Amino acid sequence: MEPKIVNREVSDLSRKELLARSSEFIFSTGLNDGTSSLCKENMKYGLAQMHLILEKYGFEPNALFISSPDETISRNRYRWNSGYGYGGKLEWGAGDDKIVFLNTKPNHCGILVLGLWEMMDPYEIIKKIDEIKSKELYFDGIRLNWDYGISNHFISCFKTNNLTDMEYPPYIFLIHGSAPELRDDTYGIGVYIDKSENLKNMSIKEETKFGTQYIVLDSDADEYMEINKRALEFSCKKREIIAQHLFENEFTIICNQPHQFLKDYNSIYLGSNCTDIECDLINSSTFPIALRSDISAYLMEGTNNLTKQTMMNLGFYERAKKLEVNDRLENANITPHGAGYAFPDIKDVINVLEYKDQRYFVCRLKKGKNRLKIVRVVSDLQYEYRKREVVLKAVQLNLGRLTARLTPVFSLKL
C-alpha cells in the first residue's frame, strides 16, 4: 500500500483506494482455498465501511481482521452482505472505545465439552432428548429453545485418545449450540440488528460508499454490551442445563467455550476460539476443534498468539509495524473452532463486480481452464467441511498444543 493512502484522510479516498487500504488490514492465516479467498474479498468491504465510520466519529480508522486457519464465508446473509467473513477475530479499537458495529451479529454460539466414564446408548439419549423437548425449561426467566438440530449445531460422542500427560475421561461429548432466544425483542432488546426493532431504534444508521452499517455509541454501547453478556451467559448455561438433563450427574465439564461473541466494545470472535484465559468470558485453557462427523475432533490447549516469529514467517510483521497494530496481532489469541465451510469447485476469486450495492464474486473453478462461477449469495452454494489441514495449520502456527484426539462414535441432529 502506498504511504500516501495511509496518511490521507480515509474519507478523501476513492472507492478503489479505500479497498486497497482495507485489504492491508487483513491478516490471514487461512488455507488459501476458495472460501478463504471469498472471505478476504468480502472482508475488504466490511473493513472499508468500518474505517469510514470510525474516522467520522473521531476514532482511529484501523479496524482489522485476523483470521484463524478455518477462515471461511458466513452463511448468514445479512452478515455476509454487510461485508463480513468468518473464522477469525475482527477488531476496531483498544477495547474501551464505546462504539459497537451491530452488522457483525454476535450469536453467542459455543461448544460444551463433557467427559463421561461410560458410553451411553444413543437410543437412550434420543429418548431423553424427546423428554427434554416436551418440557418447559428456563434459565434467567427465559425459556430454552431446542436448537441442536439446526444449521451445524449437534450433540456428538467421541472416544478419547490422550495425546499428552493431560488425561481426559474415556468418552467425550460435544454439545454445540447458541442462543436464538435472545436475537429478537421477545425478552427486551435483542442482539440481532435485523431481528430486533428495539435494537434498531436505539442504533445509528450509517450509509457508506459500500453499504449500510448500524452502530451504537456511548451509553447505548454500554447497554448493548450488557445485553451481550447476558446472552453469552444464557448460551453457556443452556448447554449445561441440556447436559444435566441428558446425563444427570454422570459427567464432568472439561470446558464450555464460546466461539462467536463480543469480547469487548471493539472486538468480536467470528467463529474462532478465544485463547485469552485472562478474559473473564473464558473459563478454561482447553478448546475444542470439531471438524466433520466422519473424522476426528481435537482438544487443544491454547497459547498467547501470534508470536513475533510466526508473524515474520507469515509476512505480517513489517506490515503490522507500518500500520502500528503489532500489539493487536501479538494478542490475537485465536484458534480454529472447526473446519470451516469449503466449496469443492471454487479455486479462488479473481474479481468483484459491483452493481446497486450488491457484490458479485467472480470465481475461478478448479476444473476447466476458462470456466468461471459468479456468485452473490454464498449461502445458496453447495458446501462441505474441510478436514485435518485446519488443525495441522493451527499447530504449525503455534496457536496451541493438541491434548487429545477424539474418534467419532456417533452424532445426533434431531
Protein backbone atom coordinates (compact mmCIF):
# COMPACT_ATOMS: atom_id res chain seq x y z
CA MET A 1 0.00 0.00 0.00
CA GLU A 2 1.35 3.42 -0.91
CA PRO A 3 2.25 5.69 2.05
CA LYS A 4 0.06 8.47 0.63
CA ILE A 5 -3.01 6.26 1.14
CA VAL A 6 -2.02 5.57 4.75
CA ASN A 7 -1.50 9.21 5.60
CA ARG A 8 -4.55 10.72 3.87
CA GLU A 9 -7.97 11.12 5.43
CA VAL A 10 -9.98 7.96 4.80
CA SER A 11 -12.98 9.99 3.68
CA ASP A 12 -10.87 11.56 0.90
CA LEU A 13 -10.00 8.22 -0.69
CA SER A 14 -11.66 6.81 -3.79
CA ARG A 15 -13.53 3.51 -3.69
CA LYS A 16 -10.51 1.75 -5.19
CA GLU A 17 -8.14 3.34 -2.69
CA LEU A 18 -10.43 2.50 0.24
CA LEU A 19 -10.50 -1.17 -0.74
CA ALA A 20 -6.73 -1.24 -1.27
CA ARG A 21 -6.27 0.31 2.16
CA SER A 22 -8.67 -2.05 3.92
CA SER A 23 -7.02 -5.11 2.35
CA GLU A 24 -3.81 -4.15 4.18
CA PHE A 25 -5.68 -4.66 7.46
CA ILE A 26 -6.49 -8.30 6.69
CA PHE A 27 -4.04 -10.75 8.28
CA SER A 28 -4.92 -14.19 7.01
CA THR A 29 -3.73 -17.50 8.46
CA GLY A 30 -6.26 -19.39 6.33
CA LEU A 31 -5.72 -22.19 3.85
CA ASN A 32 -5.90 -20.02 0.71
CA ASP A 33 -8.66 -22.14 -0.79
CA GLY A 34 -11.86 -20.91 -2.44
CA THR A 35 -13.77 -19.99 0.71
CA SER A 36 -10.69 -18.37 2.24
CA SER A 37 -10.40 -16.24 -0.89
CA LEU A 38 -14.08 -15.30 -0.73
CA CYS A 39 -13.73 -14.36 2.93
CA LYS A 40 -10.86 -11.96 2.26
CA GLU A 41 -12.51 -10.36 -0.75
CA ASN A 42 -15.73 -9.74 1.15
CA MET A 43 -13.98 -8.58 4.31
CA LYS A 44 -12.37 -5.70 2.41
CA TYR A 45 -15.81 -4.16 2.04
CA GLY A 46 -16.70 -4.58 5.70
CA LEU A 47 -13.41 -3.07 6.87
CA ALA A 48 -13.67 -0.16 4.42
CA GLN A 49 -17.08 0.72 5.87
CA MET A 50 -15.74 0.44 9.40
CA HIS A 51 -12.76 2.70 8.58
CA LEU A 52 -15.05 5.40 7.19
CA ILE A 53 -17.35 5.29 10.22
CA LEU A 54 -14.54 5.17 12.77
CA GLU A 55 -12.92 8.26 11.28
CA LYS A 56 -16.26 10.09 11.19
CA TYR A 57 -16.70 9.61 14.94
CA GLY A 58 -13.14 10.52 15.87
CA PHE A 59 -11.68 7.03 16.32
CA GLU A 60 -8.58 5.63 14.63
CA PRO A 61 -9.64 4.07 11.29
CA ASN A 62 -7.60 0.91 11.81
CA ALA A 63 -10.16 -1.90 12.10
CA LEU A 64 -8.54 -5.22 11.18
CA PHE A 65 -9.35 -8.87 10.68
CA ILE A 66 -7.04 -11.65 11.91
CA SER A 67 -8.25 -14.96 10.57
CA SER A 68 -7.77 -18.39 12.08
CA PRO A 69 -6.96 -21.40 9.85
CA ASP A 70 -10.69 -22.14 9.43
CA GLU A 71 -11.17 -18.78 7.67
CA THR A 72 -14.32 -19.10 5.57
CA ILE A 73 -17.56 -17.46 4.48
CA SER A 74 -20.53 -16.56 6.67
CA ARG A 75 -23.72 -18.33 5.65
CA ASN A 76 -25.74 -15.67 7.44
CA ARG A 77 -26.91 -13.49 4.54
CA TYR A 78 -27.19 -10.25 6.49
CA ARG A 79 -23.71 -10.56 7.98
CA TRP A 80 -22.19 -11.56 4.62
CA ASN A 81 -23.94 -8.77 2.71
CA SER A 82 -22.62 -6.33 5.31
CA GLY A 83 -19.07 -7.25 4.27
CA TYR A 84 -18.04 -9.75 6.91
CA GLY A 85 -16.48 -13.18 6.52
CA TYR A 86 -15.99 -15.79 9.20
CA GLY A 87 -13.30 -17.67 11.09
CA GLY A 88 -11.24 -15.14 12.98
CA LYS A 89 -11.15 -12.02 15.14
CA LEU A 90 -12.49 -8.68 13.97
CA GLU A 91 -11.11 -5.74 15.95
CA TRP A 92 -11.66 -1.98 15.68
CA GLY A 93 -10.04 -0.43 18.74
CA ALA A 94 -8.27 -0.95 22.05
CA GLY A 95 -11.32 -2.49 23.73
CA ASP A 96 -12.70 0.55 25.56
CA ASP A 97 -13.74 2.81 22.68
CA LYS A 98 -17.51 2.93 23.05
CA ILE A 99 -18.55 2.06 19.51
CA VAL A 100 -20.00 -1.32 18.50
CA PHE A 101 -20.74 -2.46 14.94
CA LEU A 102 -24.06 -4.31 15.00
CA ASN A 103 -23.95 -5.85 11.50
CA THR A 104 -21.39 -8.35 12.80
CA LYS A 105 -24.29 -10.08 14.58
CA PRO A 106 -22.84 -11.85 17.65
CA ASN A 107 -24.83 -15.08 18.16
CA HIS A 108 -23.06 -16.45 21.29
CA CYS A 109 -22.51 -19.87 19.79
CA GLY A 110 -20.20 -22.25 21.62
CA ILE A 111 -19.29 -25.85 22.41
CA LEU A 112 -19.64 -27.62 25.74
CA VAL A 113 -17.11 -30.43 26.19
CA LEU A 114 -18.19 -33.19 28.59
CA GLY A 115 -16.25 -36.18 29.86
CA LEU A 116 -18.05 -39.49 30.57
CA TRP A 117 -16.67 -42.71 32.01
CA GLU A 118 -19.21 -44.99 30.34
CA MET A 119 -20.65 -45.00 26.87
CA MET A 120 -24.32 -44.02 26.66
CA ASP A 121 -26.68 -45.86 24.33
CA PRO A 122 -27.75 -43.41 21.61
CA TYR A 123 -31.29 -44.78 21.81
CA GLU A 124 -31.44 -43.75 25.48
CA ILE A 125 -30.15 -40.29 24.56
CA ILE A 126 -32.82 -39.97 21.87
CA LYS A 127 -35.49 -40.82 24.45
CA LYS A 128 -34.08 -38.27 26.89
CA ILE A 129 -33.96 -35.63 24.16
CA ASP A 130 -37.63 -36.27 23.41
CA GLU A 131 -38.39 -35.80 27.12
CA ILE A 132 -36.39 -32.57 27.24
CA LYS A 133 -38.16 -31.14 24.19
CA SER A 134 -41.53 -31.82 25.82
CA LYS A 135 -40.59 -29.85 28.95
CA GLU A 136 -40.54 -26.14 29.59
CA LEU A 137 -37.00 -25.44 30.78
CA TYR A 138 -35.95 -21.96 31.85
CA PHE A 139 -32.87 -20.03 32.80
CA ASP A 140 -32.92 -16.40 33.92
CA GLY A 141 -36.64 -16.28 33.12
CA ILE A 142 -36.04 -17.31 29.51
CA ARG A 143 -37.49 -20.49 28.08
CA LEU A 144 -34.90 -22.71 26.39
CA ASN A 145 -35.33 -23.21 22.65
CA TRP A 146 -34.00 -26.57 21.39
CA ASP A 147 -31.63 -25.64 18.53
CA TYR A 148 -29.40 -28.71 18.33
CA GLY A 149 -30.81 -29.90 15.02
CA ILE A 150 -30.47 -26.53 13.29
CA SER A 151 -27.64 -25.46 10.98
CA ASN A 152 -24.36 -27.06 12.15
CA HIS A 153 -25.46 -27.48 15.78
CA PHE A 154 -25.18 -31.00 17.13
CA ILE A 155 -24.60 -33.39 20.02
CA SER A 156 -21.76 -35.81 19.29
CA CYS A 157 -19.98 -38.63 21.10
CA PHE A 158 -16.28 -39.49 20.78
CA LYS A 159 -13.76 -41.97 22.15
CA THR A 160 -10.82 -40.21 23.78
CA ASN A 161 -7.21 -40.65 22.73
CA ASN A 162 -4.98 -38.68 25.09
CA LEU A 163 -2.00 -37.06 23.36
CA THR A 164 -0.25 -35.55 26.39
CA ASP A 165 0.03 -36.11 30.12
CA MET A 166 -3.37 -34.43 30.46
CA GLU A 167 -5.79 -37.32 30.92
CA TYR A 168 -9.43 -36.97 29.98
CA PRO A 169 -12.29 -39.42 30.60
CA PRO A 170 -12.58 -42.27 28.04
CA TYR A 171 -15.60 -40.71 26.30
CA ILE A 172 -16.19 -37.11 25.28
CA PHE A 173 -19.45 -35.46 24.30
CA LEU A 174 -19.61 -32.15 22.43
CA ILE A 175 -22.76 -30.05 22.62
CA HIS A 176 -22.74 -27.25 20.04
CA GLY A 177 -25.41 -24.55 20.21
CA SER A 178 -26.23 -20.86 20.58
CA ALA A 179 -28.91 -18.52 21.93
CA PRO A 180 -31.62 -17.86 19.33
CA GLU A 181 -33.94 -16.96 22.22
CA LEU A 182 -32.32 -13.54 22.60
CA ARG A 183 -31.99 -12.39 19.00
CA ASP A 184 -35.36 -10.62 18.69
CA ASP A 185 -37.46 -8.47 21.03
CA THR A 186 -39.16 -11.28 22.97
CA TYR A 187 -37.14 -10.51 26.10
CA GLY A 188 -36.46 -6.82 25.59
CA ILE A 189 -33.74 -5.57 23.27
CA GLY A 190 -32.43 -8.36 21.05
CA VAL A 191 -28.85 -8.87 19.88
CA TYR A 192 -29.57 -9.17 16.13
CA ILE A 193 -29.95 -5.86 14.30
CA ASP A 194 -32.10 -7.48 11.58
CA LYS A 195 -34.47 -9.14 14.08
CA SER A 196 -34.81 -6.58 16.88
CA GLU A 197 -36.77 -3.39 16.23
CA ASN A 198 -35.84 -2.20 19.71
CA LEU A 199 -32.16 -2.50 18.85
CA LYS A 200 -32.65 -0.77 15.50
CA ASN A 201 -34.44 2.11 17.26
CA MET A 202 -31.52 2.70 19.66
CA SER A 203 -28.86 2.36 16.94
CA ILE A 204 -27.40 4.87 14.49
CA LYS A 205 -27.76 4.08 10.79
CA GLU A 206 -24.63 4.92 8.79
CA GLU A 207 -24.70 4.96 4.99
CA THR A 208 -21.29 4.44 3.38
CA LYS A 209 -19.94 4.09 -0.15
CA PHE A 210 -20.13 0.33 0.24
CA GLY A 211 -23.37 -0.19 2.14
CA THR A 212 -25.22 0.45 5.37
CA GLN A 213 -23.92 -0.25 8.87
CA TYR A 214 -25.66 0.14 12.22
CA ILE A 215 -23.68 1.21 15.28
CA VAL A 216 -24.26 2.05 18.95
CA LEU A 217 -22.21 4.62 20.87
CA ASP A 218 -21.53 5.65 24.45
CA SER A 219 -24.33 4.67 26.88
CA ASP A 220 -26.09 2.68 24.15
CA ALA A 221 -22.85 0.74 23.63
CA ASP A 222 -22.79 0.09 27.39
CA GLU A 223 -26.34 -1.25 27.26
CA TYR A 224 -25.62 -3.43 24.24
CA MET A 225 -22.57 -4.93 25.93
CA GLU A 226 -24.70 -5.82 28.96
CA ILE A 227 -27.26 -7.47 26.68
CA ASN A 228 -24.47 -9.48 25.07
CA LYS A 229 -23.05 -10.58 28.41
CA ARG A 230 -26.48 -11.82 29.40
CA ALA A 231 -26.88 -13.66 26.08
CA LEU A 232 -23.45 -15.27 26.40
CA GLU A 233 -24.14 -16.43 29.95
CA PHE A 234 -27.50 -17.79 28.85
CA SER A 235 -26.00 -19.67 25.89
CA CYS A 236 -23.31 -21.29 28.07
CA LYS A 237 -25.76 -22.17 30.84
CA LYS A 238 -28.26 -23.55 28.33
CA ARG A 239 -25.75 -26.13 27.10
CA GLU A 240 -25.06 -27.16 30.70
CA ILE A 241 -28.77 -27.49 31.51
CA ILE A 242 -29.25 -29.72 28.47
CA ALA A 243 -26.26 -31.83 29.56
CA GLN A 244 -27.67 -32.16 33.07
CA HIS A 245 -30.98 -33.50 31.72
CA LEU A 246 -29.24 -35.83 29.28
CA PHE A 247 -26.56 -37.30 31.54
CA GLU A 248 -27.74 -36.36 35.05
CA ASN A 249 -24.64 -36.40 37.31
CA GLU A 250 -22.58 -38.87 35.27
CA PHE A 251 -20.33 -36.31 33.55
CA THR A 252 -17.61 -33.78 34.20
CA ILE A 253 -17.35 -30.45 32.39
CA ILE A 254 -14.00 -30.07 30.66
CA CYS A 255 -14.77 -26.69 29.12
CA ASN A 256 -17.66 -24.61 27.81
CA GLN A 257 -16.17 -22.27 25.25
CA PRO A 258 -17.84 -19.61 23.09
CA HIS A 259 -16.52 -19.03 19.61
CA GLN A 260 -18.85 -16.30 18.31
CA PHE A 261 -19.18 -13.38 20.72
CA LEU A 262 -18.27 -9.79 21.52
CA LYS A 263 -15.23 -9.86 23.76
CA ASP A 264 -15.35 -6.11 24.44
CA TYR A 265 -16.56 -2.91 22.79
CA ASN A 266 -14.06 -3.28 19.95
CA SER A 267 -13.59 -6.96 19.17
CA ILE A 268 -15.69 -9.90 18.12
CA TYR A 269 -14.67 -13.50 17.61
CA LEU A 270 -16.46 -14.66 14.48
CA GLY A 271 -16.21 -18.45 14.53
CA SER A 272 -12.88 -18.64 16.35
CA ASN A 273 -11.87 -19.79 19.81
CA CYS A 274 -10.51 -17.06 22.10
CA THR A 275 -7.42 -18.28 23.97
CA ASP A 276 -7.13 -15.25 26.24
CA ILE A 277 -7.56 -17.05 29.57
CA GLU A 278 -7.26 -13.71 31.40
CA CYS A 279 -10.62 -12.76 29.91
CA ASP A 280 -13.48 -13.40 32.36
CA LEU A 281 -15.60 -14.76 29.49
CA ILE A 282 -13.19 -17.70 29.00
CA ASN A 283 -13.34 -20.43 31.66
CA SER A 284 -10.62 -22.88 30.63
CA SER A 285 -7.34 -23.20 28.73
CA THR A 286 -8.77 -26.18 26.79
CA PHE A 287 -10.54 -25.57 23.47
CA PRO A 288 -12.41 -27.95 21.14
CA ILE A 289 -11.92 -28.16 17.38
CA ALA A 290 -14.85 -30.01 15.79
CA LEU A 291 -14.22 -30.92 12.15
CA ARG A 292 -16.57 -33.33 10.36
CA SER A 293 -18.75 -36.12 11.70
CA ASP A 294 -16.63 -38.74 9.90
CA ILE A 295 -13.18 -37.67 11.14
CA SER A 296 -11.60 -36.95 14.50
CA ALA A 297 -12.19 -33.83 16.55
CA TYR A 298 -9.47 -32.45 18.82
CA LEU A 299 -8.91 -30.76 22.15
CA MET A 300 -6.26 -28.08 22.16
CA GLU A 301 -4.51 -26.13 24.88
CA GLY A 302 -4.40 -22.53 23.69
CA THR A 303 -1.45 -20.16 23.59
CA ASN A 304 -0.99 -16.41 23.63
CA ASN A 305 -0.56 -15.68 19.93
CA LEU A 306 0.62 -14.57 17.42
CA THR A 307 4.33 -14.69 18.25
CA LYS A 308 6.80 -12.36 16.54
CA GLN A 309 8.38 -15.32 14.77
CA THR A 310 5.01 -16.52 13.49
CA MET A 311 4.22 -13.04 12.20
CA MET A 312 7.56 -12.90 10.42
CA ASN A 313 7.04 -16.34 8.90
CA LEU A 314 3.63 -15.26 7.62
CA GLY A 315 4.95 -11.97 6.25
CA PHE A 316 2.83 -9.94 8.69
CA TYR A 317 5.45 -8.31 10.86
CA GLU A 318 6.63 -5.35 8.74
CA ARG A 319 3.11 -4.58 7.51
CA ALA A 320 1.72 -4.68 11.05
CA LYS A 321 4.58 -2.46 12.24
CA LYS A 322 3.88 0.07 9.49
CA LEU A 323 0.19 0.11 10.41
CA GLU A 324 1.05 0.25 14.15
CA VAL A 325 -1.01 -2.84 15.01
CA ASN A 326 1.76 -5.24 16.10
CA ASP A 327 0.45 -5.43 19.65
CA ARG A 328 -3.00 -6.39 18.41
CA LEU A 329 -1.60 -9.29 16.41
CA GLU A 330 0.54 -10.37 19.37
CA ASN A 331 -2.69 -10.59 21.36
CA ALA A 332 -4.87 -12.10 18.66
CA ASN A 333 -5.40 -15.19 20.84
CA ILE A 334 -7.12 -17.31 18.20
CA THR A 335 -7.51 -20.99 17.40
CA PRO A 336 -9.92 -22.61 14.95
CA HIS A 337 -13.16 -23.90 16.44
CA GLY A 338 -13.99 -26.12 13.47
CA ALA A 339 -13.15 -26.98 9.90
CA GLY A 340 -14.91 -24.13 8.16
CA TYR A 341 -17.07 -24.35 5.06
CA ALA A 342 -15.41 -25.25 1.77
CA PHE A 343 -16.74 -25.04 -1.77
CA PRO A 344 -15.34 -28.07 -3.60
CA ASP A 345 -15.43 -26.49 -7.07
CA ILE A 346 -14.09 -22.96 -6.38
CA LYS A 347 -10.36 -22.27 -6.64
CA ASP A 348 -10.21 -18.53 -5.87
CA VAL A 349 -11.75 -15.11 -6.53
CA ILE A 350 -10.32 -13.07 -9.41
CA ASN A 351 -12.67 -10.09 -9.42
CA VAL A 352 -15.65 -8.49 -7.69
CA LEU A 353 -18.38 -6.87 -9.75
CA GLU A 354 -20.46 -4.21 -8.01
CA TYR A 355 -23.98 -3.28 -9.05
CA LYS A 356 -26.56 -1.37 -6.98
CA ASP A 357 -24.81 -2.06 -3.64
CA GLN A 358 -24.57 -5.76 -4.49
CA ARG A 359 -21.31 -7.67 -4.84
CA TYR A 360 -20.84 -10.43 -7.38
CA PHE A 361 -17.74 -12.55 -6.84
CA VAL A 362 -16.08 -13.83 -9.99
CA CYS A 363 -14.57 -17.20 -9.08
CA ARG A 364 -12.21 -19.46 -10.98
CA LEU A 365 -13.13 -23.12 -10.84
CA LYS A 366 -10.73 -25.92 -10.05
CA LYS A 367 -11.70 -27.80 -13.19
CA GLY A 368 -11.98 -26.18 -16.58
CA LYS A 369 -9.29 -23.74 -17.64
CA ASN A 370 -11.55 -20.88 -18.65
CA ARG A 371 -14.66 -21.60 -16.61
CA LEU A 372 -15.96 -19.08 -14.10
CA LYS A 373 -18.66 -19.06 -11.44
CA ILE A 374 -20.12 -15.68 -10.50
CA VAL A 375 -21.91 -15.70 -7.14
CA ARG A 376 -23.63 -13.19 -4.88
CA VAL A 377 -25.46 -15.24 -2.23
CA VAL A 378 -22.84 -17.66 -0.90
CA SER A 379 -25.29 -19.32 1.50
CA ASP A 380 -27.02 -20.90 -1.51
CA LEU A 381 -23.88 -22.70 -2.69
CA GLN A 382 -23.28 -26.40 -2.10
CA TYR A 383 -20.61 -26.80 0.57
CA GLU A 384 -18.64 -29.37 2.52
CA TYR A 385 -16.39 -29.17 5.56
CA ARG A 386 -12.61 -29.16 5.47
CA LYS A 387 -10.52 -31.89 7.07
CA ARG A 388 -7.43 -32.11 9.28
CA GLU A 389 -5.47 -29.47 7.37
CA VAL A 390 -7.08 -26.83 9.59
CA VAL A 391 -5.70 -28.48 12.73
CA LEU A 392 -2.28 -29.03 11.18
CA LYS A 393 -2.08 -25.35 10.22
CA ALA A 394 -3.02 -24.31 13.77
CA VAL A 395 -0.23 -26.47 15.21
CA GLN A 396 2.24 -25.24 12.61
CA LEU A 397 1.49 -21.63 13.58
CA ASN A 398 1.85 -22.43 17.29
CA LEU A 399 -1.73 -21.39 18.03
CA GLY A 400 -1.98 -24.18 20.57
CA ARG A 401 -0.93 -27.67 21.67
CA LEU A 402 -3.08 -30.71 20.89
CA THR A 403 -4.01 -32.58 24.07
CA ALA A 404 -6.50 -35.17 22.77
CA ARG A 405 -7.74 -36.70 19.54
CA LEU A 406 -11.43 -37.58 19.64
CA THR A 407 -12.54 -40.52 17.48
CA PRO A 408 -16.17 -40.22 16.35
CA VAL A 409 -18.68 -42.72 17.73
CA PHE A 410 -22.00 -41.10 16.78
CA SER A 411 -23.54 -37.68 16.16
CA LEU A 412 -27.15 -36.64 16.79
CA LYS A 413 -29.10 -33.96 14.95
CA LEU A 414 -32.73 -34.04 16.00
